[in-house]
Amino acid sequence: MANTNGAFGLRPIGVVGQAANTTGATEYRIASGNTNTIFQGSPVIPLSTGFIDKVGAAAGGTVGLVGVFWGCEYVSSTTGEKIFSNNWPGSGADSNHPVKAFVYDNPMQTFVICSDASLTSAATARGHVFANANFADGAAGNSTTGISSAKLGVSTIATTANLNLRIMGLQDDPDNSDFTAAGIPVIVRLNNSFNSANGAIAGGTVSTTGV
C-alpha cells in the first residue's frame, strides 16, 4: 500500500544525545525587500548582509545551512497590522519594521523528512543509515499551505562528505512503512550546519563521510 506522506520539508523531532530537547527556534531577520518565498520546513542559509534566505540563494549553493525555517513575524505594508505566518511570502512587509524569522538552528537538531522515491526494502533502507543525502525540491513549497515540499533525494544517497543531510535513522510509522513507495519518513540532521565548529567554511561539514 502506498504511503500517506506528502512532502512537508523538515520537521524537528529531537536532538542527538541526551541534551534537553527544547526544539527551540532562534530569531533571525529576513530583508524586507527579499522577493524569495521561504516555506515552513525549508532549509535556510546566512547571508553576508546579516539576513537569512532560502537554500540555493547563494551562488554555487556552497553556504552552510543555518537551520530550518519555521515561520515569521512582520508588519503588513497595506494594513499596518502585525502578521504571524508559517512562510515568508516574498513581499508585503513594511520596510520600517523588521521581518523576524524563527529558525531551528541547533547543529544537533534532528528532523524527519520524507523520501522522494522508493527505498526498495526495509533492509536496503537500514543500510542507508549513517550515509549522506541531498534535498529534492529543497527551495520549493505549497503557496496555499505555506509548507515546504523539500524531500530527501534517494538518488543522492552516498558517503559524499558535503551533502546536506546525514541520515540518522528511520521513523516508525505504520501509515508510511511501504519501502517500495515514496514517502518513507527518514530521520536526519543537517550535515553542514553553519553553527557547527566548521560550518562557516564553504561546503564545510560536521562529519566527513558516511560509514
C-alpha atoms as a PDB file:
ATOM      1  CA  MET A   1       0.000   0.000   0.000  1.00  0.00           C
ATOM      2  CA  ALA A   2       1.324   3.449  -0.890  1.00  0.00           C
ATOM      3  CA  ASN A   3       2.444   5.728   1.926  1.00  0.00           C
ATOM      4  CA  THR A   4       0.206   8.572   3.096  1.00  0.00           C
ATOM      5  CA  ASN A   5       3.057  11.075   3.488  1.00  0.00           C
ATOM      6  CA  GLY A   6       3.150  14.078   1.225  1.00  0.00           C
ATOM      7  CA  ALA A   7       6.115  16.436   1.089  1.00  0.00           C
ATOM      8  CA  PHE A   8       6.461  18.636   4.180  1.00  0.00           C
ATOM      9  CA  GLY A   9      10.120  19.647   4.306  1.00  0.00           C
ATOM     10  CA  LEU A  10      11.987  19.161   7.570  1.00  0.00           C
ATOM     11  CA  ARG A  11      10.088  18.740  10.853  1.00  0.00           C
ATOM     12  CA  PRO A  12      12.026  18.926  14.143  1.00  0.00           C
ATOM     13  CA  ILE A  13      11.688  15.822  16.299  1.00  0.00           C
ATOM     14  CA  GLY A  14      14.596  15.776  18.767  1.00  0.00           C
ATOM     15  CA  VAL A  15      18.304  16.246  19.321  1.00  0.00           C
ATOM     16  CA  VAL A  16      21.266  13.898  19.155  1.00  0.00           C
ATOM     17  CA  GLY A  17      22.307  12.527  22.532  1.00  0.00           C
ATOM     18  CA  GLN A  18      20.876  13.255  25.958  1.00  0.00           C
ATOM     19  CA  ALA A  19      20.660  17.047  25.766  1.00  0.00           C
ATOM     20  CA  ALA A  20      17.399  18.792  26.625  1.00  0.00           C
ATOM     21  CA  ASN A  21      15.036  18.567  23.658  1.00  0.00           C
ATOM     22  CA  THR A  22      13.544  22.053  23.586  1.00  0.00           C
ATOM     23  CA  THR A  23      13.153  22.183  19.773  1.00  0.00           C
ATOM     24  CA  GLY A  24      13.615  25.888  20.344  1.00  0.00           C
ATOM     25  CA  ALA A  25      13.832  28.342  17.460  1.00  0.00           C
ATOM     26  CA  THR A  26      16.201  31.304  17.266  1.00  0.00           C
ATOM     27  CA  GLU A  27      15.157  34.684  15.882  1.00  0.00           C
ATOM     28  CA  TYR A  28      16.880  35.846  12.686  1.00  0.00           C
ATOM     29  CA  ARG A  29      15.962  38.539  10.148  1.00  0.00           C
ATOM     30  CA  ILE A  30      14.760  38.472   6.545  1.00  0.00           C
ATOM     31  CA  ALA A  31      15.372  41.548   4.400  1.00  0.00           C
ATOM     32  CA  SER A  32      12.029  43.297   3.814  1.00  0.00           C
ATOM     33  CA  GLY A  33      12.868  43.534   0.098  1.00  0.00           C
ATOM     34  CA  ASN A  34      13.586  39.806  -0.258  1.00  0.00           C
ATOM     35  CA  THR A  35      11.304  38.533  -3.034  1.00  0.00           C
ATOM     36  CA  ASN A  36      12.071  34.825  -2.435  1.00  0.00           C
ATOM     37  CA  THR A  37       9.274  32.804  -0.854  1.00  0.00           C
ATOM     38  CA  ILE A  38      10.551  30.848   2.156  1.00  0.00           C
ATOM     39  CA  PHE A  39       8.336  27.971   3.252  1.00  0.00           C
ATOM     40  CA  GLN A  40       7.905  26.355   6.647  1.00  0.00           C
ATOM     41  CA  GLY A  41      10.273  23.395   6.842  1.00  0.00           C
ATOM     42  CA  SER A  42      12.700  24.840   4.288  1.00  0.00           C
ATOM     43  CA  PRO A  43      16.466  24.872   4.873  1.00  0.00           C
ATOM     44  CA  VAL A  44      17.846  28.422   5.045  1.00  0.00           C
ATOM     45  CA  ILE A  45      21.285  29.988   4.711  1.00  0.00           C
ATOM     46  CA  PRO A  46      23.012  33.028   6.259  1.00  0.00           C
ATOM     47  CA  LEU A  47      23.887  35.975   4.018  1.00  0.00           C
ATOM     48  CA  SER A  48      26.837  38.338   4.288  1.00  0.00           C
ATOM     49  CA  THR A  49      24.316  41.159   4.821  1.00  0.00           C
ATOM     50  CA  GLY A  50      23.231  39.710   8.168  1.00  0.00           C
ATOM     51  CA  PHE A  51      19.941  38.319   6.868  1.00  0.00           C
ATOM     52  CA  ILE A  52      18.837  34.778   6.008  1.00  0.00           C
ATOM     53  CA  ASP A  53      17.459  33.426   2.742  1.00  0.00           C
ATOM     54  CA  LYS A  54      16.284  30.158   1.244  1.00  0.00           C
ATOM     55  CA  VAL A  55      18.774  27.455   0.335  1.00  0.00           C
ATOM     56  CA  GLY A  56      20.321  27.963  -3.080  1.00  0.00           C
ATOM     57  CA  ALA A  57      20.123  31.759  -2.902  1.00  0.00           C
ATOM     58  CA  ALA A  58      23.947  31.969  -2.822  1.00  0.00           C
ATOM     59  CA  ALA A  59      25.993  31.335  -5.948  1.00  0.00           C
ATOM     60  CA  GLY A  60      27.041  27.710  -6.119  1.00  0.00           C
ATOM     61  CA  GLY A  61      24.982  26.700  -3.094  1.00  0.00           C
ATOM     62  CA  THR A  62      28.141  26.352  -1.021  1.00  0.00           C
ATOM     63  CA  VAL A  63      26.995  28.149   2.155  1.00  0.00           C
ATOM     64  CA  GLY A  64      26.471  26.022   5.258  1.00  0.00           C
ATOM     65  CA  LEU A  65      22.811  25.827   6.347  1.00  0.00           C
ATOM     66  CA  VAL A  66      21.909  27.995   9.328  1.00  0.00           C
ATOM     67  CA  GLY A  67      18.877  25.838  10.069  1.00  0.00           C
ATOM     68  CA  VAL A  68      15.249  25.185   9.156  1.00  0.00           C
ATOM     69  CA  PHE A  69      12.678  27.957   8.751  1.00  0.00           C
ATOM     70  CA  TRP A  70       9.553  27.621  10.870  1.00  0.00           C
ATOM     71  CA  GLY A  71       7.731  30.933  10.456  1.00  0.00           C
ATOM     72  CA  CYS A  72       7.988  34.689  10.620  1.00  0.00           C
ATOM     73  CA  GLU A  73       6.511  37.883  12.007  1.00  0.00           C
ATOM     74  CA  TYR A  74       6.234  41.144  10.103  1.00  0.00           C
ATOM     75  CA  VAL A  75       4.130  44.294   9.803  1.00  0.00           C
ATOM     76  CA  SER A  76       1.891  44.484   6.741  1.00  0.00           C
ATOM     77  CA  SER A  77       2.695  47.353   4.384  1.00  0.00           C
ATOM     78  CA  THR A  78      -1.012  47.661   3.475  1.00  0.00           C
ATOM     79  CA  THR A  79      -2.866  47.258   6.775  1.00  0.00           C
ATOM     80  CA  GLY A  80      -0.182  48.141   9.324  1.00  0.00           C
ATOM     81  CA  GLU A  81      -1.112  45.019  11.271  1.00  0.00           C
ATOM     82  CA  LYS A  82       1.368  42.540  12.715  1.00  0.00           C
ATOM     83  CA  ILE A  83       1.255  39.265  10.812  1.00  0.00           C
ATOM     84  CA  PHE A  84       2.367  35.850  12.031  1.00  0.00           C
ATOM     85  CA  SER A  85       2.917  33.483   9.132  1.00  0.00           C
ATOM     86  CA  ASN A  86       4.327  29.985   8.602  1.00  0.00           C
ATOM     87  CA  ASN A  87       6.006  31.256   5.425  1.00  0.00           C
ATOM     88  CA  TRP A  88       7.650  34.411   4.114  1.00  0.00           C
ATOM     89  CA  PRO A  89       5.556  35.291   1.013  1.00  0.00           C
ATOM     90  CA  GLY A  90       8.294  37.344  -0.637  1.00  0.00           C
ATOM     91  CA  SER A  91       6.563  40.729  -0.286  1.00  0.00           C
ATOM     92  CA  GLY A  92       4.110  42.705   1.784  1.00  0.00           C
ATOM     93  CA  ALA A  93       6.256  43.872   4.689  1.00  0.00           C
ATOM     94  CA  ASP A  94       6.512  47.453   5.918  1.00  0.00           C
ATOM     95  CA  SER A  95      10.198  48.284   5.492  1.00  0.00           C
ATOM     96  CA  ASN A  96      10.107  50.416   8.649  1.00  0.00           C
ATOM     97  CA  HIS A  97       9.720  47.264  10.741  1.00  0.00           C
ATOM     98  CA  PRO A  98      11.893  44.130  10.938  1.00  0.00           C
ATOM     99  CA  VAL A  99      10.874  40.840   9.381  1.00  0.00           C
ATOM    100  CA  LYS A 100      11.565  38.372  12.182  1.00  0.00           C
ATOM    101  CA  ALA A 101      12.262  34.794  11.142  1.00  0.00           C
ATOM    102  CA  PHE A 102      12.238  31.826  13.521  1.00  0.00           C
ATOM    103  CA  VAL A 103      14.717  29.092  12.683  1.00  0.00           C
ATOM    104  CA  TYR A 104      15.554  25.724  14.220  1.00  0.00           C
ATOM    105  CA  ASP A 105      19.323  26.199  14.257  1.00  0.00           C
ATOM    106  CA  ASN A 106      20.788  23.725  16.756  1.00  0.00           C
ATOM    107  CA  PRO A 107      23.507  21.791  14.831  1.00  0.00           C
ATOM    108  CA  MET A 108      22.457  18.651  16.706  1.00  0.00           C
ATOM    109  CA  GLN A 109      18.730  19.050  15.985  1.00  0.00           C
ATOM    110  CA  THR A 110      17.173  16.031  14.291  1.00  0.00           C
ATOM    111  CA  PHE A 111      14.371  16.266  11.761  1.00  0.00           C
ATOM    112  CA  VAL A 112      12.077  13.961   9.858  1.00  0.00           C
ATOM    113  CA  ILE A 113      11.820  14.315   6.084  1.00  0.00           C
ATOM    114  CA  CYS A 114      10.079  12.048   3.598  1.00  0.00           C
ATOM    115  CA  SER A 115      11.853  10.203   0.805  1.00  0.00           C
ATOM    116  CA  ASP A 116      11.129  11.291  -2.754  1.00  0.00           C
ATOM    117  CA  ALA A 117      11.261   7.738  -4.097  1.00  0.00           C
ATOM    118  CA  SER A 118      11.261   4.088  -3.110  1.00  0.00           C
ATOM    119  CA  LEU A 119      13.911   2.842  -0.683  1.00  0.00           C
ATOM    120  CA  THR A 120      13.351  -0.679  -2.102  1.00  0.00           C
ATOM    121  CA  SER A 121      13.062  -2.598   1.179  1.00  0.00           C
ATOM    122  CA  ALA A 122      13.429  -2.215   4.929  1.00  0.00           C
ATOM    123  CA  ALA A 123      16.856  -3.859   4.756  1.00  0.00           C
ATOM    124  CA  THR A 124      18.063  -1.540   1.996  1.00  0.00           C
ATOM    125  CA  ALA A 125      16.743   1.495   3.867  1.00  0.00           C
ATOM    126  CA  ARG A 126      18.513   0.389   7.062  1.00  0.00           C
ATOM    127  CA  GLY A 127      21.734   0.153   5.082  1.00  0.00           C
ATOM    128  CA  HIS A 128      21.464   3.879   4.269  1.00  0.00           C
ATOM    129  CA  VAL A 129      21.605   4.922   7.938  1.00  0.00           C
ATOM    130  CA  PHE A 130      24.765   6.996   8.588  1.00  0.00           C
ATOM    131  CA  ALA A 131      25.110   7.842   4.886  1.00  0.00           C
ATOM    132  CA  ASN A 132      24.545  11.335   3.489  1.00  0.00           C
ATOM    133  CA  ALA A 133      21.985  12.746   1.063  1.00  0.00           C
ATOM    134  CA  ASN A 134      20.813  15.927  -0.597  1.00  0.00           C
ATOM    135  CA  PHE A 135      17.409  17.547  -0.872  1.00  0.00           C
ATOM    136  CA  ALA A 136      14.954  17.133  -3.686  1.00  0.00           C
ATOM    137  CA  ASP A 137      12.967  20.370  -4.227  1.00  0.00           C
ATOM    138  CA  GLY A 138      14.759  21.998  -1.297  1.00  0.00           C
ATOM    139  CA  ALA A 139      13.569  25.533  -2.047  1.00  0.00           C
ATOM    140  CA  ALA A 140      10.054  24.743  -3.321  1.00  0.00           C
ATOM    141  CA  GLY A 141       6.759  24.696  -1.450  1.00  0.00           C
ATOM    142  CA  ASN A 142       2.980  24.984  -1.482  1.00  0.00           C
ATOM    143  CA  SER A 143       1.851  28.605  -1.789  1.00  0.00           C
ATOM    144  CA  THR A 144      -1.563  27.771  -0.297  1.00  0.00           C
ATOM    145  CA  THR A 145      -0.446  25.946   2.849  1.00  0.00           C
ATOM    146  CA  GLY A 146       2.944  27.661   3.161  1.00  0.00           C
ATOM    147  CA  ILE A 147       4.594  24.264   3.701  1.00  0.00           C
ATOM    148  CA  SER A 148       7.888  23.254   2.112  1.00  0.00           C
ATOM    149  CA  SER A 149       7.926  20.486  -0.488  1.00  0.00           C
ATOM    150  CA  ALA A 150      11.544  19.542   0.269  1.00  0.00           C
ATOM    151  CA  LYS A 151      12.185  15.810   0.319  1.00  0.00           C
ATOM    152  CA  LEU A 152      15.187  13.557   0.736  1.00  0.00           C
ATOM    153  CA  GLY A 153      16.588  12.761  -2.700  1.00  0.00           C
ATOM    154  CA  VAL A 154      17.001   8.982  -2.665  1.00  0.00           C
ATOM    155  CA  SER A 155      19.176   9.014  -5.780  1.00  0.00           C
ATOM    156  CA  THR A 156      21.701  11.276  -3.993  1.00  0.00           C
ATOM    157  CA  ILE A 157      22.363   8.930  -1.034  1.00  0.00           C
ATOM    158  CA  ALA A 158      26.123   8.402  -0.768  1.00  0.00           C
ATOM    159  CA  THR A 159      29.131   8.730   1.532  1.00  0.00           C
ATOM    160  CA  THR A 160      29.987  12.071  -0.126  1.00  0.00           C
ATOM    161  CA  ALA A 161      31.121  14.477   2.587  1.00  0.00           C
ATOM    162  CA  ASN A 162      29.419  17.707   1.559  1.00  0.00           C
ATOM    163  CA  LEU A 163      25.847  16.518   1.043  1.00  0.00           C
ATOM    164  CA  ASN A 164      23.330  18.470   3.116  1.00  0.00           C
ATOM    165  CA  LEU A 165      21.788  15.702   5.210  1.00  0.00           C
ATOM    166  CA  ARG A 166      23.132  12.932   7.446  1.00  0.00           C
ATOM    167  CA  ILE A 167      20.693  10.009   7.731  1.00  0.00           C
ATOM    168  CA  MET A 168      20.313   9.116  11.421  1.00  0.00           C
ATOM    169  CA  GLY A 169      17.501   6.572  11.306  1.00  0.00           C
ATOM    170  CA  LEU A 170      14.017   5.672  10.116  1.00  0.00           C
ATOM    171  CA  GLN A 171      10.860   6.793  11.897  1.00  0.00           C
ATOM    172  CA  ASP A 172       8.421   4.062  12.942  1.00  0.00           C
ATOM    173  CA  ASP A 173       5.146   4.954  11.220  1.00  0.00           C
ATOM    174  CA  PRO A 174       2.644   2.217  10.271  1.00  0.00           C
ATOM    175  CA  ASP A 175       0.926   4.519   7.761  1.00  0.00           C
ATOM    176  CA  ASN A 176       4.208   5.184   5.983  1.00  0.00           C
ATOM    177  CA  SER A 177       6.039   1.867   6.002  1.00  0.00           C
ATOM    178  CA  ASP A 178       5.847   0.772   2.355  1.00  0.00           C
ATOM    179  CA  PHE A 179       9.514   0.823   1.396  1.00  0.00           C
ATOM    180  CA  THR A 180       8.648   0.177  -2.247  1.00  0.00           C
ATOM    181  CA  ALA A 181       6.996   3.614  -2.475  1.00  0.00           C
ATOM    182  CA  ALA A 182       7.968   7.239  -1.885  1.00  0.00           C
ATOM    183  CA  GLY A 183       7.127   8.883   1.439  1.00  0.00           C
ATOM    184  CA  ILE A 184       9.205   6.907   3.943  1.00  0.00           C
ATOM    185  CA  PRO A 185       9.900   9.179   6.970  1.00  0.00           C
ATOM    186  CA  VAL A 186      13.670   9.427   7.382  1.00  0.00           C
ATOM    187  CA  ILE A 187      15.349  10.915  10.470  1.00  0.00           C
ATOM    188  CA  VAL A 188      18.172  13.301   9.564  1.00  0.00           C
ATOM    189  CA  ARG A 189      20.328  16.125  10.856  1.00  0.00           C
ATOM    190  CA  LEU A 190      21.940  18.944   8.911  1.00  0.00           C
ATOM    191  CA  ASN A 191      25.327  17.750   7.756  1.00  0.00           C
ATOM    192  CA  ASN A 192      26.906  21.163   7.166  1.00  0.00           C
ATOM    193  CA  SER A 193      25.346  23.375   9.824  1.00  0.00           C
ATOM    194  CA  PHE A 194      26.681  26.941   9.755  1.00  0.00           C
ATOM    195  CA  ASN A 195      26.592  26.934  13.565  1.00  0.00           C
ATOM    196  CA  SER A 196      28.863  23.920  13.922  1.00  0.00           C
ATOM    197  CA  ALA A 197      32.574  24.312  14.567  1.00  0.00           C
ATOM    198  CA  ASN A 198      33.449  24.249  10.867  1.00  0.00           C
ATOM    199  CA  GLY A 199      30.118  25.101   9.292  1.00  0.00           C
ATOM    200  CA  ALA A 200      31.211  28.598   8.274  1.00  0.00           C
ATOM    201  CA  ILE A 201      33.546  27.054   5.703  1.00  0.00           C
ATOM    202  CA  ALA A 202      32.010  26.913   2.233  1.00  0.00           C
ATOM    203  CA  GLY A 203      30.880  23.333   1.852  1.00  0.00           C
ATOM    204  CA  GLY A 204      32.029  22.557   5.422  1.00  0.00           C
ATOM    205  CA  THR A 205      30.582  19.514   7.152  1.00  0.00           C
ATOM    206  CA  VAL A 206      30.138  18.400  10.738  1.00  0.00           C
ATOM    207  CA  SER A 207      31.128  14.850   9.815  1.00  0.00           C
ATOM    208  CA  THR A 208      33.279  13.917   6.881  1.00  0.00           C
ATOM    209  CA  THR A 209      31.824  10.729   5.401  1.00  0.00           C
ATOM    210  CA  GLY A 210      29.166   8.129   5.871  1.00  0.00           C
ATOM    211  CA  VAL A 211      30.190   4.789   7.311  1.00  0.00           C
END
